Protein backbone atom coordinates (compact mmCIF):
# COMPACT_ATOMS: atom_id res chain seq x y z
CA MET A 1 -4.17 -27.96 11.27
CA ARG A 2 -2.32 -30.33 9.15
CA HIS A 3 1.27 -28.44 9.69
CA ALA A 4 0.00 -29.54 13.55
CA ASN A 5 -0.78 -32.88 12.59
CA CYS A 6 2.91 -33.32 10.77
CA LEU A 7 4.26 -31.96 13.91
CA VAL A 8 2.99 -34.55 16.21
CA ALA A 9 4.07 -37.55 13.61
CA ALA A 10 7.46 -36.30 13.28
CA LEU A 11 7.51 -35.90 16.99
CA CYS A 12 6.76 -39.57 17.06
CA VAL A 13 9.32 -40.40 14.86
CA VAL A 14 12.21 -39.08 16.48
CA ALA A 15 10.79 -40.59 20.23
CA GLY A 16 10.63 -43.67 18.63
CA THR A 17 14.04 -43.46 17.04
CA ALA A 18 15.41 -42.29 20.49
CA HIS A 19 13.77 -45.48 21.97
CA ALA A 20 15.20 -47.89 20.19
CA GLN A 21 18.93 -47.70 21.85
CA SER A 22 21.70 -50.69 20.98
CA SER A 23 24.84 -50.90 22.80
CA VAL A 24 27.37 -53.53 22.09
CA THR A 25 30.03 -54.56 25.37
CA LEU A 26 33.86 -56.00 24.50
CA TYR A 27 34.83 -58.22 27.87
CA GLY A 28 37.32 -60.50 28.54
CA SER A 29 39.14 -62.78 31.08
CA THR A 30 43.41 -63.54 30.98
CA ASP A 31 44.43 -65.77 33.52
CA ALA A 32 48.08 -67.45 33.64
CA GLY A 33 50.03 -69.01 36.64
CA VAL A 34 52.23 -71.58 37.76
CA GLY A 35 51.65 -75.17 39.13
CA TYR A 36 53.14 -78.30 41.06
CA ALA A 37 51.80 -81.94 40.88
CA SER A 38 53.30 -84.14 43.35
CA ASN A 39 52.99 -87.25 40.77
CA LEU A 40 52.04 -86.39 37.04
CA ARG A 41 52.45 -89.65 35.08
CA GLY A 42 54.88 -90.63 37.51
CA HIS A 43 56.82 -87.61 38.08
CA SER A 44 56.45 -84.53 40.57
CA SER A 45 56.61 -81.85 37.87
CA PHE A 46 55.94 -77.83 37.26
CA PHE A 47 54.23 -76.54 34.72
CA ALA A 48 52.68 -73.18 33.32
CA GLN A 49 48.91 -73.28 34.06
CA GLN A 50 46.22 -71.37 31.82
CA GLY A 51 43.09 -70.23 33.18
CA THR A 52 42.29 -72.17 37.19
CA TYR A 53 40.50 -68.62 38.42
CA GLN A 54 38.75 -68.04 35.41
CA ALA A 55 38.43 -69.36 32.22
CA ASP A 56 40.19 -67.34 29.31
CA ARG A 57 37.85 -65.67 27.19
CA TRP A 58 36.86 -62.83 25.08
CA GLY A 59 33.78 -62.27 23.63
CA LEU A 60 30.84 -59.57 22.02
CA THR A 61 27.65 -58.83 24.25
CA GLY A 62 24.85 -56.61 23.22
CA ILE A 63 21.20 -55.37 23.18
CA GLU A 64 18.63 -53.49 21.54
CA ASP A 65 16.10 -51.58 22.58
CA LEU A 66 12.94 -52.64 21.04
CA GLY A 67 10.67 -50.80 22.90
CA GLY A 68 7.89 -51.96 25.64
CA GLY A 69 10.13 -54.12 27.53
CA LEU A 70 11.17 -55.78 24.40
CA LYS A 71 14.66 -56.25 23.37
CA THR A 72 17.33 -58.38 21.10
CA VAL A 73 20.20 -59.63 22.69
CA PHE A 74 23.62 -61.60 21.39
CA LYS A 75 26.30 -63.11 22.57
CA LEU A 76 29.85 -64.03 20.67
CA GLU A 77 32.54 -65.22 23.13
CA SER A 78 35.62 -67.16 22.36
CA GLY A 79 37.82 -69.29 24.21
CA PHE A 80 41.50 -69.39 23.90
CA SER A 81 45.04 -69.69 26.47
CA THR A 82 46.64 -67.30 27.59
CA ILE A 83 49.88 -69.08 28.16
CA ASN A 84 50.37 -69.93 24.18
CA GLY A 85 47.77 -67.46 22.60
CA SER A 86 45.50 -70.68 21.09
CA MET A 87 41.97 -70.93 20.43
CA SER A 88 40.51 -73.28 22.76
CA SER A 89 39.01 -75.23 19.79
CA ALA A 90 40.74 -75.32 16.74
CA GLY A 91 38.66 -73.73 13.65
CA VAL A 92 36.09 -72.88 15.95
CA LEU A 93 36.15 -69.03 16.51
CA PHE A 94 33.14 -68.58 19.02
CA ASN A 95 33.75 -71.64 20.64
CA ARG A 96 32.28 -70.85 24.04
CA GLN A 97 28.97 -69.26 23.12
CA ALA A 98 27.60 -67.38 20.05
CA PHE A 99 23.63 -67.13 19.96
CA VAL A 100 20.71 -64.35 19.02
CA GLY A 101 17.38 -64.14 20.77
CA LEU A 102 14.71 -62.07 22.30
CA SER A 103 14.07 -61.43 25.31
CA ASP A 104 11.02 -59.69 27.28
CA ASN A 105 10.15 -58.28 30.37
CA ARG A 106 7.00 -59.89 31.00
CA PHE A 107 7.32 -63.42 28.99
CA GLY A 108 11.46 -64.51 29.41
CA THR A 109 14.54 -65.34 27.39
CA LEU A 110 14.46 -66.95 24.24
CA THR A 111 17.74 -67.62 22.12
CA LEU A 112 19.36 -69.90 19.29
CA GLY A 113 22.58 -70.97 18.57
CA ARG A 114 25.56 -72.13 20.72
CA MET A 115 25.07 -72.39 24.61
CA THR A 116 25.90 -73.46 27.93
CA ASP A 117 23.10 -75.98 29.41
CA TRP A 118 21.31 -75.56 32.79
CA ASN A 119 23.75 -78.09 34.71
CA PHE A 120 26.80 -75.45 34.44
CA GLU A 121 24.60 -72.28 34.48
CA MET A 122 22.40 -73.18 37.56
CA LEU A 123 24.46 -76.02 39.71
CA GLY A 124 27.83 -74.82 38.63
CA PRO A 125 27.97 -72.02 40.98
CA PHE A 126 26.91 -74.19 43.96
CA SER A 127 30.05 -76.21 43.23
CA THR A 128 33.59 -75.75 45.10
CA GLY A 129 35.05 -75.41 40.99
CA GLN A 130 33.11 -72.14 40.85
CA SER A 131 32.81 -71.42 44.11
CA LEU A 132 36.38 -71.06 45.00
CA GLY A 133 37.57 -70.08 41.51
CA ASN A 134 39.72 -73.09 40.58
CA PHE A 135 39.31 -75.52 37.64
CA SER A 136 41.28 -78.06 38.67
CA ALA A 137 38.36 -78.35 41.64
CA PHE A 138 36.06 -80.01 39.43
CA HIS A 139 34.62 -83.53 39.73
CA PRO A 140 36.91 -86.38 37.69
CA ALA A 141 36.64 -85.99 33.93
CA ASN A 142 33.79 -82.86 34.18
CA ILE A 143 31.70 -85.95 33.65
CA ASP A 144 28.54 -83.62 35.17
CA GLY A 145 29.35 -80.46 33.12
CA LEU A 146 29.42 -78.08 36.54
CA GLY A 147 33.09 -77.07 34.82
CA ASN A 148 31.51 -76.54 31.23
CA THR A 149 34.69 -76.63 28.94
CA VAL A 150 34.48 -76.45 24.68
CA PRO A 151 33.23 -78.52 23.07
CA SER A 152 30.35 -79.34 26.36
CA GLU A 153 28.43 -76.44 24.78
CA TRP A 154 25.48 -77.10 22.76
CA SER A 155 25.48 -76.28 19.07
CA ASN A 156 22.37 -75.52 17.22
CA ALA A 157 20.38 -75.05 20.71
CA VAL A 158 17.39 -73.37 21.53
CA LYS A 159 17.19 -71.85 25.13
CA PHE A 160 14.26 -70.31 27.09
CA ARG A 161 14.67 -69.02 30.29
CA SER A 162 11.10 -67.40 32.32
CA PRO A 163 11.37 -64.05 34.59
CA ALA A 164 11.79 -64.26 37.73
CA TYR A 165 7.96 -65.05 40.02
CA GLY A 166 8.56 -64.04 43.58
CA GLY A 167 12.46 -65.22 43.19
CA LEU A 168 11.42 -68.50 41.12
CA SER A 169 12.56 -69.03 37.14
CA PHE A 170 12.88 -71.81 35.32
CA GLY A 171 14.07 -72.87 32.14
CA ALA A 172 14.12 -75.23 29.26
CA MET A 173 16.90 -75.86 26.40
CA TYR A 174 16.62 -78.41 23.76
CA GLY A 175 19.65 -79.92 21.13
CA PHE A 176 19.12 -80.57 17.79
CA PRO A 177 20.88 -83.65 16.21
CA GLY A 178 23.65 -83.75 13.94
CA ALA A 179 25.20 -80.70 15.85
CA SER A 180 28.56 -80.09 14.92
CA SER A 181 31.75 -78.93 17.05
CA SER A 182 29.91 -80.16 19.88
CA SER A 183 30.57 -83.23 22.22
CA THR A 184 27.18 -84.05 21.98
CA ALA A 185 25.76 -85.68 18.29
CA GLY A 186 22.43 -86.69 18.91
CA ARG A 187 19.02 -84.94 20.35
CA SER A 188 19.71 -83.49 23.93
CA TYR A 189 17.18 -81.45 26.23
CA SER A 190 17.91 -79.65 29.97
CA LEU A 191 15.83 -78.41 32.18
CA GLY A 192 16.36 -76.04 35.37
CA VAL A 193 14.70 -74.55 38.22
CA ASN A 194 16.45 -71.51 40.20
CA TYR A 195 15.37 -70.42 43.16
CA ALA A 196 17.18 -66.89 44.93
CA ASN A 197 15.52 -65.05 47.91
CA GLY A 198 18.11 -63.27 49.89
CA PRO A 199 20.71 -64.88 50.85
CA LEU A 200 19.12 -68.24 50.26
CA LYS A 201 19.96 -69.61 46.67
CA LEU A 202 18.58 -73.11 45.36
CA ALA A 203 18.64 -74.96 42.15
CA ALA A 204 17.71 -78.27 40.57
CA THR A 205 18.42 -79.96 36.84
CA TYR A 206 17.52 -82.65 34.55
CA SER A 207 19.42 -83.26 31.49
CA GLU A 208 19.35 -85.79 28.87
CA TYR A 209 21.53 -86.69 26.22
CA HIS A 210 22.26 -88.79 23.17
CA ASP A 211 25.34 -90.15 21.23
CA ARG A 212 27.81 -87.85 23.85
CA THR A 213 31.54 -88.49 24.08
CA LEU A 214 32.95 -88.37 27.23
CA ASN A 215 36.75 -88.91 28.90
CA LEU A 216 36.42 -91.92 30.61
CA ASN A 217 39.92 -93.05 29.86
CA SER A 218 42.09 -89.93 30.84
CA GLY A 219 39.32 -88.75 33.60
CA PHE A 220 38.55 -92.13 35.48
CA GLY A 221 41.32 -94.51 34.17
CA LEU A 222 38.86 -96.85 32.39
CA THR A 223 40.13 -99.32 29.79
CA ASN A 224 36.60 -100.79 29.18
CA PHE A 225 33.57 -99.76 28.89
CA GLY A 226 29.94 -101.02 27.97
CA GLY A 227 32.41 -103.45 25.41
CA ILE A 228 34.33 -100.63 24.30
CA ASN A 229 38.12 -100.58 24.54
CA LEU A 230 39.41 -97.55 26.29
CA ALA A 231 43.06 -97.88 26.15
CA ASN A 232 45.63 -95.45 24.67
CA GLY A 233 42.91 -92.36 24.65
CA ASN A 234 40.62 -94.20 22.57
CA PRO A 235 37.01 -91.67 22.70
CA PHE A 236 34.21 -93.17 23.85
CA VAL A 237 30.53 -91.83 23.10
CA ALA A 238 27.96 -93.03 25.06
CA ASP A 239 24.35 -93.85 23.65
CA SER A 240 22.47 -91.59 26.25
CA VAL A 241 23.69 -89.89 29.39
CA LYS A 242 20.96 -88.67 31.80
CA GLU A 243 21.70 -86.15 34.42
CA LEU A 244 20.64 -85.13 37.74
CA GLY A 245 21.47 -82.78 40.00
CA VAL A 246 20.02 -80.21 42.93
CA GLY A 247 22.40 -77.63 45.01
CA GLY A 248 22.33 -74.38 47.14
CA SER A 249 24.33 -71.87 48.95
CA TYR A 250 23.43 -69.41 51.41
CA GLU A 251 25.52 -66.46 52.85
CA VAL A 252 25.85 -66.30 57.04
CA GLY A 253 27.68 -62.64 57.32
CA LYS A 254 31.15 -62.75 55.87
CA VAL A 255 30.85 -66.42 55.22
CA LEU A 256 28.98 -68.12 51.53
CA LEU A 257 28.25 -71.99 52.42
CA HIS A 258 27.75 -74.08 49.26
CA ALA A 259 26.54 -77.44 47.97
CA VAL A 260 25.66 -79.46 44.95
CA ALA A 261 24.82 -83.50 44.81
CA THR A 262 24.72 -84.79 41.19
CA GLN A 263 24.29 -88.49 39.14
CA VAL A 264 25.22 -88.98 36.04
CA ARG A 265 23.79 -92.01 34.37
CA VAL A 266 26.09 -93.34 31.61
CA ALA A 267 24.78 -96.29 29.02
CA LYS A 268 26.25 -98.44 26.35
CA ASN A 269 25.32 -101.22 24.16
CA GLY A 270 22.92 -102.34 27.06
CA ALA A 271 25.33 -101.66 30.00
CA SER A 272 25.36 -98.80 32.37
CA GLU A 273 26.77 -97.11 35.26
CA ASN A 274 25.74 -94.45 37.27
CA PHE A 275 28.34 -91.16 38.47
CA ARG A 276 27.37 -89.89 42.20
CA ALA A 277 29.17 -86.66 43.31
CA VAL A 278 28.43 -85.09 46.79
CA ASP A 279 30.18 -81.50 46.82
CA ALA A 280 30.65 -78.84 49.76
CA GLY A 281 32.67 -75.90 51.10
CA ALA A 282 32.18 -72.36 52.34
CA ASN A 283 34.15 -69.20 51.26
CA PHE A 284 35.35 -66.96 53.94
CA HIS A 285 35.62 -63.14 53.35
CA LEU A 286 38.78 -61.67 55.90
CA THR A 287 38.55 -58.12 54.13
CA PRO A 288 37.08 -56.38 51.09
CA ALA A 289 39.86 -57.66 49.00
CA GLU A 290 40.90 -61.09 50.44
CA GLU A 291 39.46 -64.39 51.48
CA ILE A 292 39.96 -68.08 52.27
CA ASP A 293 37.97 -70.89 50.36
CA VAL A 294 37.39 -74.54 51.63
CA GLY A 295 35.89 -77.27 49.72
CA GLY A 296 36.02 -80.75 48.80
CA TRP A 297 34.15 -83.24 47.47
CA GLY A 298 33.53 -87.22 46.97
CA ALA A 299 32.25 -89.18 43.85
CA SER A 300 31.99 -92.85 42.36
CA PHE A 301 32.12 -94.24 39.32
CA ASP A 302 31.94 -97.99 37.66
CA GLY A 303 33.74 -99.23 41.41
CA GLY A 304 36.08 -96.58 41.67
CA HIS A 305 36.24 -93.93 44.12
CA TRP A 306 37.74 -90.48 44.88
CA ALA A 307 38.22 -87.47 46.88
CA GLN A 308 39.39 -84.37 46.77
CA LEU A 309 40.04 -81.08 49.46
CA THR A 310 41.13 -77.78 48.09
CA VAL A 311 42.03 -74.84 49.87
CA ALA A 312 42.23 -71.49 48.13
CA ASN A 313 43.31 -68.09 49.23
CA VAL A 314 42.45 -65.07 47.13
CA TYR A 315 43.48 -61.32 47.13
CA ALA A 316 41.85 -58.92 44.93
CA LEU A 317 44.30 -56.26 43.89
CA SER A 318 42.02 -54.04 42.16
CA LYS A 319 38.02 -55.18 41.05
CA ALA A 320 39.32 -56.16 37.96
CA THR A 321 42.28 -57.95 38.77
CA GLN A 322 43.22 -60.73 41.77
CA VAL A 323 46.08 -63.07 42.74
CA TYR A 324 45.61 -66.79 43.67
CA VAL A 325 47.29 -69.65 45.79
CA ASP A 326 45.08 -73.07 45.67
CA VAL A 327 46.23 -75.77 47.11
CA SER A 328 44.40 -79.73 46.52
CA LEU A 329 44.56 -82.96 47.42
CA GLU A 330 43.03 -86.25 45.41
CA ARG A 331 42.78 -89.52 46.49
CA ALA A 332 41.70 -92.39 45.04
CA SER A 333 40.47 -95.49 45.96
CA SER A 334 43.16 -98.36 44.94
CA SER A 335 41.29 -99.39 42.12
CA ALA A 336 41.80 -96.50 40.79
CA ILE A 337 44.22 -93.21 40.05
CA ALA A 338 44.39 -89.91 41.20
CA ASP A 339 43.49 -87.10 38.17
CA THR A 340 43.13 -83.43 38.53
CA ILE A 341 40.85 -82.30 36.51
CA GLY A 342 42.91 -80.02 33.99
CA VAL A 343 46.33 -81.42 35.12
CA GLY A 344 46.68 -84.77 34.85
CA PRO A 345 47.02 -88.43 35.81
CA SER A 346 48.97 -89.50 38.69
CA SER A 347 50.35 -92.67 38.60
CA THR A 348 48.96 -93.75 42.31
CA ASN A 349 46.30 -92.79 43.96
CA LYS A 350 47.31 -89.92 45.39
CA GLN A 351 48.11 -86.29 43.93
CA ILE A 352 48.60 -82.93 45.72
CA VAL A 353 48.48 -79.95 43.41
CA VAL A 354 49.45 -76.85 43.72
CA LEU A 355 48.21 -73.44 41.30
CA THR A 356 49.25 -69.64 41.55
CA GLY A 357 48.39 -67.24 39.62
CA ILE A 358 47.03 -63.88 37.94
CA HIS A 359 44.02 -63.06 37.02
CA HIS A 360 42.33 -60.47 35.27
CA LEU A 361 38.97 -59.63 33.82
CA PHE A 362 37.91 -56.52 31.18
C-alpha cells in the first residue's frame, strides 16, 4: 500500500510540473519609407520616414501557466527607428512597455510597471490614425494620446482589466507620482469601459494627469499659454490634464466604419482651455490583399481650428508584409498653422503630405 501511495504522489508531482508550462515570444515591427510635404518650415521637402504604418518596435512577451486558470504574464517592449537604428528614448531600453503581473480567467488581469493607458488601448483603435495605419493622421500634438508615443507611456503604474461579461469589460489604472522617463510626473489615473458584440465595438474612457508635459509650441504653434512663454520650443508642463473620450466601430460586409470624439481640458496657473476633436472614417476591403481607407477629423484648441483628410491604399504582399501610400491634406484656421504630426509644421495654414513605404511584422 505504501508503494502505491508513493506512486500516486509521484504521478501528482509529474502532472503538476507538466501543467505549469511557460512560453516566451519574440516579436517586432519594422517600417520605413519616403515622404513628401508641400510645405515643411517654408519649403517643399522630400524626407526619409520611419514607423508610419506601425511604430518600429521589438519586444518579448510571455506567460507561465500556474494552473487553475491563473497565469503569470509579462511584456518588455522597446521602440526604435528603422531608418537610423537609434532607440526612441535615449538611455531607456524598454521605453514602450515593461510590466509583469497575474491573469486569472475569472477575476481579470493585474499588471505593474510601464504601460499604456486606456485612451490609447480602448479609444485609439477607433481613430483615423490607428484605423488607417498612419501615425500622421492622429490629432495635433497627439494631445489626446490616441497615437501613444514615447514617453507618453506611464511609468510606476498599476493596471487592472476585468474579464469580458457578455462582451462588456472595464479597466482601471493608477500612476504613482515621481515617475521617471514619463511625460507625467504627478499622480495619474485612467478608467475605461469596452463593449464588443459581433460587428459592433464601443468604448468610453476618462483619464486625469498631473504635472504632464505637452507639446503646445510645435504641435499647435502657441507661443504663450497660462502665462508660460512657449517660444523657441520651451517645454510646457500642465498642472492638470483631464480627458474624456467615446468611440466605436461597426463592420458591414467588407466595410469597417469607425468614429471617435475626445475632449481634453488643459489647466495651468488658473488658466484652462479645452481641446476637442471629432474623427471618423471607413476602411474598404477591396480584396483579401488590398484595402482603401478614408478618414478625417476636425479639432479646436485655444481659438485655433484644424481639419485633416487622409486617403490610404494598403496592399498586403503576405500576412506579415504590407506596402502602402497615404495622402493627407491638413488645413488650419487663419490664426493657426498646419502641422502634420510626425512630419513637422508648415509656414502657412495648409499642408499636403504624401507617405509611402514598406512594413513588416515578425
